[in-house]
Amino acid sequence: KLGYRKEIVRLYYPLSTLRHFFECAGDDNKIAAGVISEQQMLEILAPDNLPKQLTDTIGEIKVTAKNERFCIEIPPEGSEYVHENTADNEFIRELITLVGTHGCTMEQITELFYKYSDDIEKKEMQNGEFDCYIRFLNEPDDTYYYCFHDEGCHIIYHRFLPQDYADFGF
């Protein structure tokens, strides 16, 4: 949560990530095994199949998909609910601000991670897409792999669930 406007929020996920979300929730092993198709996932996420408590709380969620890429649309009342009931993630706020700063360096990014924990892992990557990843070790609330690429004039980043990171085979 990095800011607030009472407006529609769209979250985008590949089918593989949604399968991982459901696997983590302990749902059907067919989902985890990757045998759930795009159409079947749309059925799982259909409004009639979502918990009533969820839709009563954040409103009617709309889900669309194309080429195994899903868009989950949260209505304005959902944005408002999150704003009123969720604490800010100061690390993410600082990371995005830092990465958005002209002249940001990997040393500054590494220092930011150390500001939040002495127990991090940083590894160089040779995959042509990212230069390195940094992740927190032993932080149950943040198990993501933060992957960085220095494009010369700025640094870009993506964060991946451990399962998604493994799927990419970096």
N, C-alpha and C. Protein backbone atom coordinates (compact mmCIF):
# COMPACT_ATOMS: atom_id res chain seq x y z
N LYS A 1 0.86 -1.17 0.00
CA LYS A 1 0.00 0.00 0.00
C LYS A 1 0.89 1.22 0.00
N LEU A 2 0.87 1.97 -1.09
CA LEU A 2 1.79 3.09 -1.23
C LEU A 2 1.11 4.43 -1.34
N GLY A 3 -0.13 4.45 -1.34
CA GLY A 3 -0.85 5.71 -1.47
C GLY A 3 -2.32 5.38 -1.45
N TYR A 4 -3.13 6.40 -1.54
CA TYR A 4 -4.55 6.11 -1.47
C TYR A 4 -5.34 7.04 -2.37
N ARG A 5 -6.19 6.45 -3.13
CA ARG A 5 -7.26 7.11 -3.85
C ARG A 5 -8.41 6.13 -3.84
N LYS A 6 -9.58 6.63 -3.64
CA LYS A 6 -10.75 5.75 -3.69
C LYS A 6 -11.07 5.52 -5.17
N GLU A 7 -10.38 4.52 -5.74
CA GLU A 7 -10.55 4.21 -7.15
C GLU A 7 -10.34 2.73 -7.38
N ILE A 8 -10.64 2.29 -8.58
CA ILE A 8 -10.44 0.89 -8.97
C ILE A 8 -8.94 0.59 -8.95
N VAL A 9 -8.59 -0.59 -8.42
CA VAL A 9 -7.21 -1.06 -8.44
C VAL A 9 -7.21 -2.36 -9.23
N ARG A 10 -6.26 -2.45 -10.16
CA ARG A 10 -6.12 -3.66 -10.96
C ARG A 10 -4.80 -4.35 -10.60
N LEU A 11 -4.91 -5.61 -10.26
CA LEU A 11 -3.75 -6.43 -9.92
C LEU A 11 -3.59 -7.47 -11.02
N TYR A 12 -2.36 -7.61 -11.51
CA TYR A 12 -2.09 -8.53 -12.61
C TYR A 12 -1.22 -9.69 -12.14
N TYR A 13 -1.63 -10.91 -12.51
CA TYR A 13 -0.91 -12.11 -12.11
C TYR A 13 -0.88 -13.11 -13.25
N PRO A 14 0.24 -13.79 -13.44
CA PRO A 14 0.22 -14.93 -14.37
C PRO A 14 -0.49 -16.11 -13.70
N LEU A 15 -1.01 -17.00 -14.51
CA LEU A 15 -1.71 -18.18 -14.00
C LEU A 15 -0.83 -18.96 -13.03
N SER A 16 0.46 -19.08 -13.32
CA SER A 16 1.35 -19.85 -12.44
C SER A 16 1.37 -19.27 -11.03
N THR A 17 1.34 -17.95 -10.91
CA THR A 17 1.35 -17.33 -9.58
C THR A 17 0.05 -17.61 -8.84
N LEU A 18 -1.07 -17.53 -9.54
CA LEU A 18 -2.34 -17.84 -8.90
C LEU A 18 -2.37 -19.29 -8.42
N ARG A 19 -1.79 -20.18 -9.22
CA ARG A 19 -1.69 -21.58 -8.77
C ARG A 19 -0.90 -21.65 -7.47
N HIS A 20 0.20 -20.90 -7.38
CA HIS A 20 1.00 -20.90 -6.15
C HIS A 20 0.22 -20.33 -4.97
N PHE A 21 -0.54 -19.27 -5.20
CA PHE A 21 -1.35 -18.70 -4.13
C PHE A 21 -2.29 -19.76 -3.57
N PHE A 22 -2.96 -20.48 -4.46
CA PHE A 22 -3.89 -21.49 -4.00
C PHE A 22 -3.19 -22.67 -3.35
N GLU A 23 -2.03 -23.02 -3.85
CA GLU A 23 -1.23 -24.09 -3.24
C GLU A 23 -0.89 -23.71 -1.80
N CYS A 24 -0.47 -22.47 -1.60
CA CYS A 24 -0.11 -21.99 -0.26
C CYS A 24 -1.32 -22.00 0.66
N ALA A 25 -2.50 -21.84 0.08
CA ALA A 25 -3.71 -21.85 0.89
C ALA A 25 -4.17 -23.27 1.19
N GLY A 26 -3.44 -24.26 0.67
CA GLY A 26 -3.76 -25.66 0.97
C GLY A 26 -4.89 -26.22 0.13
N ASP A 27 -5.19 -25.57 -1.01
CA ASP A 27 -6.28 -26.04 -1.84
C ASP A 27 -5.86 -27.24 -2.70
N ASP A 28 -6.73 -27.61 -3.57
CA ASP A 28 -6.61 -28.79 -4.42
C ASP A 28 -5.21 -28.97 -5.02
N ASN A 29 -4.68 -30.19 -4.94
CA ASN A 29 -3.35 -30.48 -5.48
C ASN A 29 -3.28 -30.32 -7.00
N LYS A 30 -4.43 -30.39 -7.69
CA LYS A 30 -4.43 -30.18 -9.14
C LYS A 30 -3.98 -28.76 -9.46
N ILE A 31 -4.31 -27.81 -8.60
CA ILE A 31 -3.89 -26.43 -8.82
C ILE A 31 -2.37 -26.35 -8.72
N ALA A 32 -1.82 -26.92 -7.66
CA ALA A 32 -0.38 -26.86 -7.45
C ALA A 32 0.38 -27.58 -8.55
N ALA A 33 -0.18 -28.64 -9.06
CA ALA A 33 0.50 -29.40 -10.10
C ALA A 33 0.43 -28.71 -11.46
N GLY A 34 -0.30 -27.61 -11.53
CA GLY A 34 -0.36 -26.86 -12.77
C GLY A 34 -1.31 -27.41 -13.79
N VAL A 35 -2.26 -28.22 -13.37
CA VAL A 35 -3.20 -28.79 -14.32
C VAL A 35 -4.48 -27.97 -14.42
N ILE A 36 -4.60 -26.94 -13.63
CA ILE A 36 -5.76 -26.06 -13.71
C ILE A 36 -5.54 -25.10 -14.87
N SER A 37 -6.48 -25.06 -15.79
CA SER A 37 -6.36 -24.21 -16.97
C SER A 37 -6.79 -22.78 -16.65
N GLU A 38 -6.57 -21.91 -17.62
CA GLU A 38 -7.01 -20.52 -17.48
C GLU A 38 -8.52 -20.46 -17.24
N GLN A 39 -9.28 -21.22 -18.02
CA GLN A 39 -10.74 -21.21 -17.88
C GLN A 39 -11.16 -21.73 -16.52
N GLN A 40 -10.51 -22.78 -16.03
CA GLN A 40 -10.85 -23.32 -14.71
C GLN A 40 -10.53 -22.31 -13.61
N MET A 41 -9.41 -21.58 -13.75
CA MET A 41 -9.08 -20.57 -12.75
C MET A 41 -10.10 -19.44 -12.78
N LEU A 42 -10.56 -19.07 -13.96
CA LEU A 42 -11.62 -18.05 -14.04
C LEU A 42 -12.88 -18.51 -13.32
N GLU A 43 -13.18 -19.79 -13.43
CA GLU A 43 -14.34 -20.33 -12.72
C GLU A 43 -14.13 -20.30 -11.21
N ILE A 44 -12.92 -20.64 -10.77
CA ILE A 44 -12.61 -20.60 -9.33
C ILE A 44 -12.78 -19.19 -8.79
N LEU A 45 -12.38 -18.19 -9.60
CA LEU A 45 -12.41 -16.79 -9.17
C LEU A 45 -13.70 -16.07 -9.57
N ALA A 46 -14.68 -16.79 -10.09
CA ALA A 46 -15.95 -16.19 -10.48
C ALA A 46 -16.64 -15.60 -9.25
N PRO A 47 -17.37 -14.49 -9.42
CA PRO A 47 -18.02 -13.83 -8.29
C PRO A 47 -18.86 -14.77 -7.41
N ASP A 48 -19.57 -15.71 -8.04
CA ASP A 48 -20.41 -16.63 -7.26
C ASP A 48 -19.59 -17.59 -6.41
N ASN A 49 -18.31 -17.77 -6.74
CA ASN A 49 -17.46 -18.70 -5.99
C ASN A 49 -16.61 -18.03 -4.93
N LEU A 50 -16.61 -16.71 -4.90
CA LEU A 50 -15.83 -16.00 -3.88
C LEU A 50 -16.60 -15.96 -2.57
N PRO A 51 -15.90 -15.98 -1.44
CA PRO A 51 -16.59 -15.92 -0.15
C PRO A 51 -17.43 -14.65 -0.02
N LYS A 52 -18.64 -14.80 0.47
CA LYS A 52 -19.55 -13.66 0.63
C LYS A 52 -18.94 -12.60 1.55
N GLN A 53 -18.23 -13.04 2.57
CA GLN A 53 -17.60 -12.08 3.49
C GLN A 53 -16.61 -11.18 2.74
N LEU A 54 -15.88 -11.76 1.77
CA LEU A 54 -14.93 -10.98 0.98
C LEU A 54 -15.65 -9.93 0.15
N THR A 55 -16.67 -10.34 -0.59
CA THR A 55 -17.36 -9.39 -1.45
C THR A 55 -18.17 -8.38 -0.64
N ASP A 56 -18.66 -8.78 0.53
CA ASP A 56 -19.35 -7.82 1.40
C ASP A 56 -18.37 -6.78 1.93
N THR A 57 -17.11 -7.16 2.09
CA THR A 57 -16.10 -6.28 2.66
C THR A 57 -15.51 -5.34 1.62
N ILE A 58 -15.11 -5.88 0.46
CA ILE A 58 -14.40 -5.03 -0.51
C ILE A 58 -15.16 -4.80 -1.80
N GLY A 59 -16.34 -5.36 -1.93
CA GLY A 59 -17.15 -5.13 -3.11
C GLY A 59 -16.98 -6.22 -4.15
N GLU A 60 -17.62 -6.00 -5.28
CA GLU A 60 -17.62 -6.99 -6.35
C GLU A 60 -16.29 -6.99 -7.10
N ILE A 61 -15.62 -8.11 -7.06
CA ILE A 61 -14.34 -8.27 -7.73
C ILE A 61 -14.60 -8.79 -9.15
N LYS A 62 -13.90 -8.20 -10.12
CA LYS A 62 -14.01 -8.67 -11.50
C LYS A 62 -12.68 -9.28 -11.90
N VAL A 63 -12.76 -10.42 -12.57
CA VAL A 63 -11.54 -11.12 -13.01
C VAL A 63 -11.64 -11.40 -14.50
N THR A 64 -10.59 -11.03 -15.22
CA THR A 64 -10.48 -11.35 -16.64
C THR A 64 -9.13 -12.00 -16.87
N ALA A 65 -9.01 -12.68 -18.01
CA ALA A 65 -7.74 -13.33 -18.34
C ALA A 65 -7.54 -13.35 -19.84
N LYS A 66 -6.28 -13.27 -20.22
CA LYS A 66 -5.90 -13.40 -21.62
C LYS A 66 -4.49 -13.97 -21.66
N ASN A 67 -4.34 -15.07 -22.38
CA ASN A 67 -3.04 -15.73 -22.51
C ASN A 67 -2.41 -16.04 -21.15
N GLU A 68 -3.23 -16.55 -20.24
CA GLU A 68 -2.81 -16.95 -18.89
C GLU A 68 -2.31 -15.77 -18.04
N ARG A 69 -2.72 -14.56 -18.39
CA ARG A 69 -2.43 -13.38 -17.58
C ARG A 69 -3.77 -12.86 -17.05
N PHE A 70 -3.87 -12.79 -15.73
CA PHE A 70 -5.12 -12.45 -15.08
C PHE A 70 -5.10 -11.01 -14.59
N CYS A 71 -6.24 -10.35 -14.73
CA CYS A 71 -6.45 -9.03 -14.15
C CYS A 71 -7.54 -9.17 -13.11
N ILE A 72 -7.20 -8.84 -11.87
CA ILE A 72 -8.17 -8.86 -10.78
C ILE A 72 -8.47 -7.41 -10.44
N GLU A 73 -9.72 -7.02 -10.66
CA GLU A 73 -10.13 -5.63 -10.49
C GLU A 73 -10.86 -5.48 -9.15
N ILE A 74 -10.28 -4.65 -8.31
CA ILE A 74 -10.85 -4.36 -6.99
C ILE A 74 -11.59 -3.03 -7.10
N PRO A 75 -12.86 -2.97 -6.67
CA PRO A 75 -13.62 -1.72 -6.79
C PRO A 75 -13.15 -0.65 -5.79
N PRO A 76 -13.58 0.58 -5.99
CA PRO A 76 -13.15 1.67 -5.10
C PRO A 76 -13.39 1.39 -3.61
N GLU A 77 -14.50 0.75 -3.27
CA GLU A 77 -14.74 0.47 -1.84
C GLU A 77 -13.70 -0.51 -1.29
N GLY A 78 -13.14 -1.35 -2.15
CA GLY A 78 -12.04 -2.24 -1.74
C GLY A 78 -10.79 -1.44 -1.44
N SER A 79 -10.48 -0.45 -2.28
CA SER A 79 -9.34 0.43 -2.03
C SER A 79 -9.50 1.15 -0.70
N GLU A 80 -10.70 1.62 -0.46
CA GLU A 80 -10.97 2.34 0.78
C GLU A 80 -10.81 1.41 1.99
N TYR A 81 -11.31 0.18 1.88
CA TYR A 81 -11.18 -0.78 2.98
C TYR A 81 -9.71 -1.04 3.29
N VAL A 82 -8.90 -1.30 2.27
CA VAL A 82 -7.47 -1.56 2.47
C VAL A 82 -6.81 -0.35 3.12
N HIS A 83 -7.14 0.85 2.63
CA HIS A 83 -6.56 2.07 3.19
C HIS A 83 -6.86 2.21 4.68
N GLU A 84 -8.07 1.89 5.06
CA GLU A 84 -8.50 2.07 6.45
C GLU A 84 -8.06 0.94 7.38
N ASN A 85 -7.70 -0.22 6.83
CA ASN A 85 -7.47 -1.39 7.68
C ASN A 85 -6.09 -2.03 7.53
N THR A 86 -5.20 -1.44 6.76
CA THR A 86 -3.89 -2.03 6.54
C THR A 86 -2.79 -1.03 6.85
N ALA A 87 -1.79 -1.49 7.57
CA ALA A 87 -0.64 -0.63 7.87
C ALA A 87 0.24 -0.49 6.64
N ASP A 88 0.89 0.65 6.52
CA ASP A 88 1.84 0.86 5.41
C ASP A 88 3.01 -0.10 5.55
N ASN A 89 3.56 -0.51 4.41
CA ASN A 89 4.78 -1.30 4.37
C ASN A 89 5.91 -0.31 4.10
N GLU A 90 6.58 0.10 5.16
CA GLU A 90 7.60 1.14 5.03
C GLU A 90 8.78 0.70 4.17
N PHE A 91 9.14 -0.59 4.22
CA PHE A 91 10.25 -1.06 3.39
C PHE A 91 9.93 -0.86 1.91
N ILE A 92 8.76 -1.31 1.48
CA ILE A 92 8.38 -1.19 0.07
C ILE A 92 8.33 0.29 -0.32
N ARG A 93 7.76 1.11 0.54
CA ARG A 93 7.69 2.55 0.25
C ARG A 93 9.10 3.10 0.03
N GLU A 94 10.02 2.78 0.91
CA GLU A 94 11.39 3.28 0.78
C GLU A 94 12.09 2.71 -0.45
N LEU A 95 11.86 1.43 -0.73
CA LEU A 95 12.49 0.81 -1.90
C LEU A 95 12.02 1.47 -3.19
N ILE A 96 10.73 1.66 -3.33
CA ILE A 96 10.20 2.27 -4.56
C ILE A 96 10.67 3.71 -4.69
N THR A 97 10.70 4.43 -3.60
CA THR A 97 11.21 5.80 -3.64
C THR A 97 12.68 5.81 -4.05
N LEU A 98 13.47 4.92 -3.47
CA LEU A 98 14.90 4.87 -3.78
C LEU A 98 15.14 4.49 -5.24
N VAL A 99 14.47 3.44 -5.71
CA VAL A 99 14.66 2.98 -7.08
C VAL A 99 14.19 4.05 -8.07
N GLY A 100 13.23 4.85 -7.67
CA GLY A 100 12.73 5.92 -8.54
C GLY A 100 13.59 7.17 -8.53
N THR A 101 14.66 7.17 -7.74
CA THR A 101 15.55 8.32 -7.63
C THR A 101 16.64 8.25 -8.69
N HIS A 102 16.84 9.36 -9.40
CA HIS A 102 17.91 9.41 -10.40
C HIS A 102 19.25 9.21 -9.71
N GLY A 103 20.06 8.31 -10.25
CA GLY A 103 21.39 8.06 -9.68
C GLY A 103 21.40 7.01 -8.59
N CYS A 104 20.29 6.33 -8.37
CA CYS A 104 20.24 5.26 -7.37
C CYS A 104 21.28 4.20 -7.72
N THR A 105 21.94 3.66 -6.69
CA THR A 105 22.96 2.64 -6.90
C THR A 105 22.57 1.34 -6.19
N MET A 106 23.19 0.25 -6.62
CA MET A 106 22.96 -1.03 -5.95
C MET A 106 23.46 -0.99 -4.52
N GLU A 107 24.50 -0.22 -4.26
CA GLU A 107 25.00 -0.08 -2.89
C GLU A 107 23.93 0.55 -1.99
N GLN A 108 23.23 1.56 -2.50
CA GLN A 108 22.16 2.18 -1.71
C GLN A 108 21.02 1.20 -1.47
N ILE A 109 20.70 0.43 -2.48
CA ILE A 109 19.62 -0.56 -2.34
C ILE A 109 20.02 -1.61 -1.30
N THR A 110 21.26 -2.08 -1.37
CA THR A 110 21.73 -3.07 -0.40
C THR A 110 21.69 -2.49 1.01
N GLU A 111 22.10 -1.24 1.17
CA GLU A 111 22.05 -0.58 2.48
C GLU A 111 20.62 -0.52 3.00
N LEU A 112 19.65 -0.27 2.11
CA LEU A 112 18.25 -0.24 2.53
C LEU A 112 17.82 -1.59 3.08
N PHE A 113 18.19 -2.67 2.40
CA PHE A 113 17.84 -4.00 2.91
C PHE A 113 18.46 -4.21 4.30
N TYR A 114 19.72 -3.82 4.46
CA TYR A 114 20.38 -3.97 5.76
C TYR A 114 19.74 -3.10 6.83
N LYS A 115 19.13 -2.01 6.45
CA LYS A 115 18.41 -1.16 7.41
C LYS A 115 17.28 -1.94 8.08
N TYR A 116 16.69 -2.88 7.32
CA TYR A 116 15.56 -3.64 7.84
C TYR A 116 15.93 -5.00 8.42
N SER A 117 17.12 -5.50 8.07
CA SER A 117 17.55 -6.78 8.62
C SER A 117 19.04 -6.99 8.35
N ASP A 118 19.73 -7.58 9.31
CA ASP A 118 21.12 -7.96 9.10
C ASP A 118 21.22 -9.31 8.40
N ASP A 119 20.09 -9.99 8.28
CA ASP A 119 20.06 -11.34 7.73
C ASP A 119 19.47 -11.31 6.32
N ILE A 120 20.30 -10.91 5.34
CA ILE A 120 19.86 -10.88 3.95
C ILE A 120 20.80 -11.73 3.11
N GLU A 121 20.33 -12.07 1.92
CA GLU A 121 21.16 -12.78 0.96
C GLU A 121 21.16 -11.96 -0.33
N LYS A 122 22.35 -11.72 -0.86
CA LYS A 122 22.49 -11.01 -2.13
C LYS A 122 23.33 -11.89 -3.05
N LYS A 123 22.80 -12.17 -4.24
CA LYS A 123 23.52 -13.02 -5.19
C LYS A 123 23.49 -12.40 -6.58
N GLU A 124 24.62 -12.49 -7.24
CA GLU A 124 24.71 -12.05 -8.63
C GLU A 124 23.96 -13.06 -9.50
N MET A 125 23.38 -12.57 -10.60
CA MET A 125 22.64 -13.41 -11.52
C MET A 125 23.22 -13.22 -12.92
N GLN A 126 23.27 -14.28 -13.68
CA GLN A 126 23.81 -14.24 -15.04
C GLN A 126 22.76 -14.76 -16.02
N ASN A 127 21.57 -14.17 -16.01
CA ASN A 127 20.51 -14.67 -16.87
C ASN A 127 20.10 -13.71 -17.98
N GLY A 128 20.77 -12.57 -18.08
CA GLY A 128 20.45 -11.60 -19.11
C GLY A 128 19.28 -10.70 -18.79
N GLU A 129 18.53 -11.04 -17.76
CA GLU A 129 17.37 -10.22 -17.39
C GLU A 129 17.63 -9.41 -16.12
N PHE A 130 18.30 -10.02 -15.15
CA PHE A 130 18.59 -9.35 -13.89
C PHE A 130 20.07 -9.49 -13.56
N ASP A 131 20.57 -8.52 -12.80
CA ASP A 131 21.98 -8.52 -12.39
C ASP A 131 22.18 -9.23 -11.05
N CYS A 132 21.18 -9.08 -10.17
CA CYS A 132 21.31 -9.71 -8.85
C CYS A 132 19.94 -9.80 -8.20
N TYR A 133 19.87 -10.60 -7.15
CA TYR A 133 18.69 -10.58 -6.30
C TYR A 133 19.14 -10.34 -4.88
N ILE A 134 18.22 -9.79 -4.11
CA ILE A 134 18.41 -9.64 -2.67
C ILE A 134 17.14 -10.16 -2.02
N ARG A 135 17.30 -10.89 -0.95
CA ARG A 135 16.12 -11.35 -0.21
C ARG A 135 16.44 -11.38 1.27
N PHE A 136 15.37 -11.25 2.04
CA PHE A 136 15.49 -11.37 3.48
C PHE A 136 15.48 -12.84 3.85
N LEU A 137 16.36 -13.22 4.75
CA LEU A 137 16.37 -14.58 5.28
C LEU A 137 15.67 -14.56 6.63
N ASN A 138 14.92 -15.58 6.93
CA ASN A 138 14.25 -15.71 8.23
C ASN A 138 13.29 -14.57 8.53
N GLU A 139 12.65 -14.02 7.50
CA GLU A 139 11.61 -13.00 7.67
C GLU A 139 10.31 -13.59 7.13
N PRO A 140 9.49 -14.19 7.99
CA PRO A 140 8.31 -14.89 7.49
C PRO A 140 7.31 -13.99 6.76
N ASP A 141 7.33 -12.68 7.02
CA ASP A 141 6.39 -11.78 6.35
C ASP A 141 6.92 -11.25 5.02
N ASP A 142 8.16 -11.59 4.67
CA ASP A 142 8.73 -11.13 3.41
C ASP A 142 9.67 -12.19 2.87
N THR A 143 9.11 -13.11 2.09
CA THR A 143 9.89 -14.21 1.52
C THR A 143 10.22 -13.98 0.05
N TYR A 144 9.96 -12.79 -0.44
CA TYR A 144 10.16 -12.49 -1.86
C TYR A 144 11.63 -12.46 -2.27
N TYR A 145 11.85 -12.73 -3.55
CA TYR A 145 13.13 -12.50 -4.20
C TYR A 145 13.01 -11.15 -4.92
N TYR A 146 13.81 -10.19 -4.53
CA TYR A 146 13.82 -8.88 -5.17
C TYR A 146 14.95 -8.90 -6.20
N CYS A 147 14.57 -8.88 -7.48
CA CYS A 147 15.55 -8.99 -8.56
C CYS A 147 15.76 -7.61 -9.19
N PHE A 148 17.03 -7.25 -9.40
CA PHE A 148 17.39 -5.91 -9.86
C PHE A 148 18.19 -5.97 -11.15
N HIS A 149 17.99 -4.95 -11.96
CA HIS A 149 18.78 -4.79 -13.19
C HIS A 149 19.14 -3.32 -13.34
N ASP A 150 20.43 -3.06 -13.50
CA ASP A 150 20.92 -1.71 -13.72
C ASP A 150 20.90 -1.44 -15.22
N GLU A 151 20.05 -0.52 -15.63
CA GLU A 151 19.92 -0.18 -17.04
C GLU A 151 20.80 1.01 -17.43
N GLY A 152 21.74 1.35 -16.58
CA GLY A 152 22.65 2.45 -16.87
C GLY A 152 22.17 3.77 -16.31
N CYS A 153 20.96 4.18 -16.68
CA CYS A 153 20.44 5.45 -16.18
C CYS A 153 19.50 5.26 -14.99
N HIS A 154 19.05 4.05 -14.78
CA HIS A 154 18.22 3.76 -13.60
C HIS A 154 18.21 2.25 -13.35
N ILE A 155 17.73 1.89 -12.16
CA ILE A 155 17.65 0.48 -11.77
C ILE A 155 16.18 0.08 -11.74
N ILE A 156 15.88 -1.07 -12.33
CA ILE A 156 14.53 -1.60 -12.26
C ILE A 156 14.52 -2.80 -11.33
N TYR A 157 13.36 -3.11 -10.80
CA TYR A 157 13.25 -4.29 -9.95
C TYR A 157 11.90 -4.96 -10.14
N HIS A 158 11.90 -6.26 -9.85
CA HIS A 158 10.68 -7.06 -9.76
C HIS A 158 10.82 -7.92 -8.52
N ARG A 159 9.71 -8.22 -7.90
CA ARG A 159 9.78 -9.16 -6.78
C ARG A 159 8.93 -10.37 -7.10
N PHE A 160 9.45 -11.53 -6.69
CA PHE A 160 8.83 -12.80 -7.01
C PHE A 160 8.63 -13.63 -5.76
N LEU A 161 7.51 -14.35 -5.72
CA LEU A 161 7.35 -15.39 -4.69
C LEU A 161 8.45 -16.42 -4.88
N PRO A 162 8.88 -17.09 -3.83
CA PRO A 162 9.91 -18.13 -4.00
C PRO A 162 9.53 -19.18 -5.05
N GLN A 163 8.25 -19.57 -5.08
CA GLN A 163 7.81 -20.58 -6.04
C GLN A 163 7.90 -20.05 -7.47
N ASP A 164 7.53 -18.78 -7.67
CA ASP A 164 7.61 -18.19 -9.01
C ASP A 164 9.06 -18.03 -9.43
N TYR A 165 9.90 -17.64 -8.50
CA TYR A 165 11.33 -17.50 -8.80
C TYR A 165 11.89 -18.85 -9.27
N ALA A 166 11.51 -19.90 -8.57
CA ALA A 166 11.97 -21.25 -8.95
C ALA A 166 11.43 -21.64 -10.33
N ASP A 167 10.18 -21.30 -10.60
CA ASP A 167 9.57 -21.64 -11.89
C ASP A 167 10.31 -20.97 -13.05
N PHE A 168 10.80 -19.74 -12.84
CA PHE A 168 11.49 -19.03 -13.90
C PHE A 168 12.85 -19.66 -14.20
N GLY A 169 13.40 -20.41 -13.27
CA GLY A 169 14.67 -21.09 -13.49
C GLY A 169 15.86 -20.17 -13.61
N PHE A 170 15.82 -19.05 -12.93
CA PHE A 170 16.94 -18.12 -12.96
C PHE A 170 18.17 -18.78 -12.40
